C-alpha atoms as a PDB file:
ATOM      1  CA  MET A   1      80.011 148.192 130.908  1.00  0.00           C
ATOM      2  CA  LEU A   2      76.237 147.976 130.793  1.00  0.00           C
ATOM      3  CA  GLN A   3      75.872 151.196 132.774  1.00  0.00           C
ATOM      4  CA  LYS A   4      78.283 153.020 130.478  1.00  0.00           C
ATOM      5  CA  LYS A   5      76.767 151.393 127.362  1.00  0.00           C
ATOM      6  CA  TYR A   6      80.273 150.669 126.140  1.00  0.00           C
ATOM      7  CA  GLY A   7      82.740 147.840 126.472  1.00  0.00           C
ATOM      8  CA  ARG A   8      85.086 145.571 124.620  1.00  0.00           C
ATOM      9  CA  ILE A   9      85.664 141.931 125.508  1.00  0.00           C
ATOM     10  CA  VAL A  10      88.152 139.671 123.747  1.00  0.00           C
ATOM     11  CA  HIS A  11      88.646 135.973 124.456  1.00  0.00           C
ATOM     12  CA  VAL A  12      91.773 134.189 123.248  1.00  0.00           C
ATOM     13  CA  ALA A  13      90.943 130.729 121.913  1.00  0.00           C
ATOM     14  CA  SER A  14      93.003 128.756 119.381  1.00  0.00           C
ATOM     15  CA  ILE A  15      92.804 127.562 115.819  1.00  0.00           C
ATOM     16  CA  ALA A  16      92.407 124.142 117.446  1.00  0.00           C
ATOM     17  CA  GLY A  17      88.908 125.258 118.400  1.00  0.00           C
ATOM     18  CA  LYS A  18      88.022 125.694 114.736  1.00  0.00           C
ATOM     19  CA  GLU A  19      89.954 122.812 113.171  1.00  0.00           C
ATOM     20  CA  GLY A  20      90.640 120.385 116.009  1.00  0.00           C
ATOM     21  CA  ASN A  21      94.079 118.989 116.724  1.00  0.00           C
ATOM     22  CA  ALA A  22      94.662 115.237 116.633  1.00  0.00           C
ATOM     23  CA  GLY A  23      95.343 113.823 120.070  1.00  0.00           C
ATOM     24  CA  MET A  24      94.164 117.013 121.793  1.00  0.00           C
ATOM     25  CA  ALA A  25      90.436 116.430 122.307  1.00  0.00           C
ATOM     26  CA  ALA A  26      90.198 118.235 125.646  1.00  0.00           C
ATOM     27  CA  TYR A  27      92.152 121.277 124.449  1.00  0.00           C
ATOM     28  CA  SER A  28      90.382 121.515 121.091  1.00  0.00           C
ATOM     29  CA  SER A  29      86.907 121.115 122.590  1.00  0.00           C
ATOM     30  CA  THR A  30      87.448 123.762 125.268  1.00  0.00           C
ATOM     31  CA  LYS A  31      88.676 126.221 122.645  1.00  0.00           C
ATOM     32  CA  ALA A  32      85.656 125.396 120.456  1.00  0.00           C
ATOM     33  CA  GLY A  33      83.437 126.065 123.463  1.00  0.00           C
ATOM     34  CA  LEU A  34      85.081 129.444 123.961  1.00  0.00           C
ATOM     35  CA  ILE A  35      84.418 130.304 120.310  1.00  0.00           C
ATOM     36  CA  GLY A  36      80.764 129.336 120.820  1.00  0.00           C
ATOM     37  CA  LEU A  37      80.641 131.570 123.891  1.00  0.00           C
ATOM     38  CA  VAL A  38      81.967 134.498 121.841  1.00  0.00           C
ATOM     39  CA  LYS A  39      79.269 133.957 119.208  1.00  0.00           C
ATOM     40  CA  THR A  40      76.489 133.768 121.780  1.00  0.00           C
ATOM     41  CA  LEU A  41      77.586 136.702 123.933  1.00  0.00           C
ATOM     42  CA  GLY A  42      78.227 138.802 120.843  1.00  0.00           C
ATOM     43  CA  LYS A  43      74.579 138.368 119.899  1.00  0.00           C
ATOM     44  CA  ASP A  44      73.319 138.753 123.466  1.00  0.00           C
ATOM     45  CA  TYR A  45      75.031 142.129 123.906  1.00  0.00           C
ATOM     46  CA  ALA A  46      74.885 143.394 120.312  1.00  0.00           C
ATOM     47  CA  GLU A  47      72.608 146.334 121.140  1.00  0.00           C
ATOM     48  CA  SER A  48      74.300 147.230 124.415  1.00  0.00           C
ATOM     49  CA  GLY A  49      77.393 149.027 123.112  1.00  0.00           C
ATOM     50  CA  ILE A  50      79.498 146.069 124.260  1.00  0.00           C
ATOM     51  CA  THR A  51      81.302 143.958 121.689  1.00  0.00           C
ATOM     52  CA  VAL A  52      82.470 140.427 122.399  1.00  0.00           C
ATOM     53  CA  ASN A  53      85.030 138.971 120.015  1.00  0.00           C
ATOM     54  CA  GLY A  54      87.721 136.331 120.020  1.00  0.00           C
ATOM     55  CA  LEU A  55      91.123 135.494 118.636  1.00  0.00           C
ATOM     56  CA  ALA A  56      92.096 132.060 117.311  1.00  0.00           C
ATOM     57  CA  PRO A  57      95.852 131.998 116.824  1.00  0.00           C
ATOM     58  CA  ALA A  58      97.996 129.226 115.475  1.00  0.00           C
ATOM     59  CA  VAL A  59     101.318 128.755 117.261  1.00  0.00           C
ATOM     60  CA  ILE A  60     102.714 132.018 118.647  1.00  0.00           C
ATOM     61  CA  ARG A  61     106.393 132.362 119.537  1.00  0.00           C
ATOM     62  CA  THR A  62     106.482 132.462 123.326  1.00  0.00           C
ATOM     63  CA  PRO A  63     109.024 131.250 125.881  1.00  0.00           C
ATOM     64  CA  MET A  64     106.983 128.036 126.164  1.00  0.00           C
ATOM     65  CA  VAL A  65     107.242 127.434 122.408  1.00  0.00           C
ATOM     66  CA  ALA A  66     110.932 128.337 122.395  1.00  0.00           C
ATOM     67  CA  ALA A  67     111.518 125.563 124.956  1.00  0.00           C
ATOM     68  CA  LEU A  68     110.010 122.914 122.658  1.00  0.00           C
ATOM     69  CA  PRO A  69     112.229 120.631 120.570  1.00  0.00           C
ATOM     70  CA  GLN A  70     112.870 122.074 117.122  1.00  0.00           C
ATOM     71  CA  ALA A  71     111.202 119.030 115.548  1.00  0.00           C
ATOM     72  CA  THR A  72     107.961 119.911 117.347  1.00  0.00           C
ATOM     73  CA  ILE A  73     108.129 123.520 116.186  1.00  0.00           C
ATOM     74  CA  ASP A  74     108.835 122.346 112.630  1.00  0.00           C
ATOM     75  CA  TYR A  75     105.800 120.025 112.791  1.00  0.00           C
ATOM     76  CA  MET A  76     103.541 122.869 113.949  1.00  0.00           C
ATOM     77  CA  THR A  77     104.792 125.437 111.454  1.00  0.00           C
ATOM     78  CA  ALA A  78     104.589 122.959 108.545  1.00  0.00           C
ATOM     79  CA  LYS A  79     100.790 123.388 108.747  1.00  0.00           C
ATOM     80  CA  ILE A  80     101.141 127.165 108.385  1.00  0.00           C
ATOM     81  CA  PRO A  81     101.535 128.445 104.794  1.00  0.00           C
ATOM     82  CA  MET A  82     103.872 131.209 106.029  1.00  0.00           C
ATOM     83  CA  HIS A  83     105.992 128.446 107.655  1.00  0.00           C
ATOM     84  CA  ARG A  84     106.670 130.420 110.809  1.00  0.00           C
ATOM     85  CA  CYS A  85     105.279 131.107 114.235  1.00  0.00           C
ATOM     86  CA  GLY A  86     103.231 134.189 114.877  1.00  0.00           C
ATOM     87  CA  GLU A  87     104.867 136.833 117.024  1.00  0.00           C
ATOM     88  CA  LEU A  88     103.514 138.159 120.321  1.00  0.00           C
ATOM     89  CA  GLN A  89     103.542 141.684 118.892  1.00  0.00           C
ATOM     90  CA  GLU A  90     101.274 140.585 116.043  1.00  0.00           C
ATOM     91  CA  ALA A  91      98.782 139.126 118.513  1.00  0.00           C
ATOM     92  CA  ALA A  92      98.994 142.192 120.748  1.00  0.00           C
ATOM     93  CA  GLU A  93      98.333 144.588 117.880  1.00  0.00           C
ATOM     94  CA  LEU A  94      95.304 142.620 116.676  1.00  0.00           C
ATOM     95  CA  ILE A  95      93.929 142.410 120.211  1.00  0.00           C
ATOM     96  CA  GLY A  96      94.559 146.144 120.607  1.00  0.00           C
ATOM     97  CA  TRP A  97      92.407 146.843 117.565  1.00  0.00           C
ATOM     98  CA  ILE A  98      89.669 144.410 118.631  1.00  0.00           C
ATOM     99  CA  VAL A  99      89.300 146.213 121.964  1.00  0.00           C
ATOM    100  CA  SER A 100      89.552 149.696 120.452  1.00  0.00           C
ATOM    101  CA  PRO A 101      86.681 152.037 119.570  1.00  0.00           C
ATOM    102  CA  ALA A 102      87.574 151.442 115.900  1.00  0.00           C
ATOM    103  CA  CYS A 103      86.224 147.882 116.137  1.00  0.00           C
ATOM    104  CA  SER A 104      82.663 149.047 116.604  1.00  0.00           C
ATOM    105  CA  PHE A 105      80.701 147.011 114.043  1.00  0.00           C
ATOM    106  CA  THR A 106      82.113 143.559 114.752  1.00  0.00           C
ATOM    107  CA  THR A 107      80.806 141.364 117.542  1.00  0.00           C
ATOM    108  CA  GLY A 108      80.511 137.635 118.011  1.00  0.00           C
ATOM    109  CA  PHE A 109      83.433 137.025 115.663  1.00  0.00           C
ATOM    110  CA  THR A 110      86.651 135.091 116.223  1.00  0.00           C
ATOM    111  CA  PHE A 111      89.577 136.488 114.267  1.00  0.00           C
ATOM    112  CA  ASP A 112      92.149 134.051 112.894  1.00  0.00           C
ATOM    113  CA  LEU A 113      95.842 134.745 113.417  1.00  0.00           C
ATOM    114  CA  THR A 114      97.219 131.742 111.599  1.00  0.00           C
ATOM    115  CA  GLY A 115      99.657 132.723 108.881  1.00  0.00           C
ATOM    116  CA  GLY A 116      97.238 131.368 106.287  1.00  0.00           C
ATOM    117  CA  ARG A 117      96.445 128.076 108.038  1.00  0.00           C
ATOM    118  CA  ALA A 118      92.767 129.021 108.270  1.00  0.00           C
ATOM    119  CA  VAL A 119      91.389 130.799 105.226  1.00  0.00           C
ATOM    120  CA  TYR A 120      87.651 130.490 105.805  1.00  0.00           C
END
């Protein structure tokens, strides 16, 4: 990437890294650390042609989530103003844009994909 003076890096964190999740200190702190890494590397490589960004999703509908008890899914989606899980396609399309040439003036930023849970 440095030789070509072009690159796109995206790290997938979690909204837990921005807000914290009760009872999930290890998970939340590692995701917060990843968000800090995105901020630092974004600045470190800002003039190199390489962008470093992140994604902080809320709960995304995956086979793992589908296997959870409905009460757990209801608890998680109750925190989301849209009252639903995100879809894999939504995450894939946002990641696709983040790593595209069109995302050329954003680096060191973590995009929220939270259905309105995070509005800051």
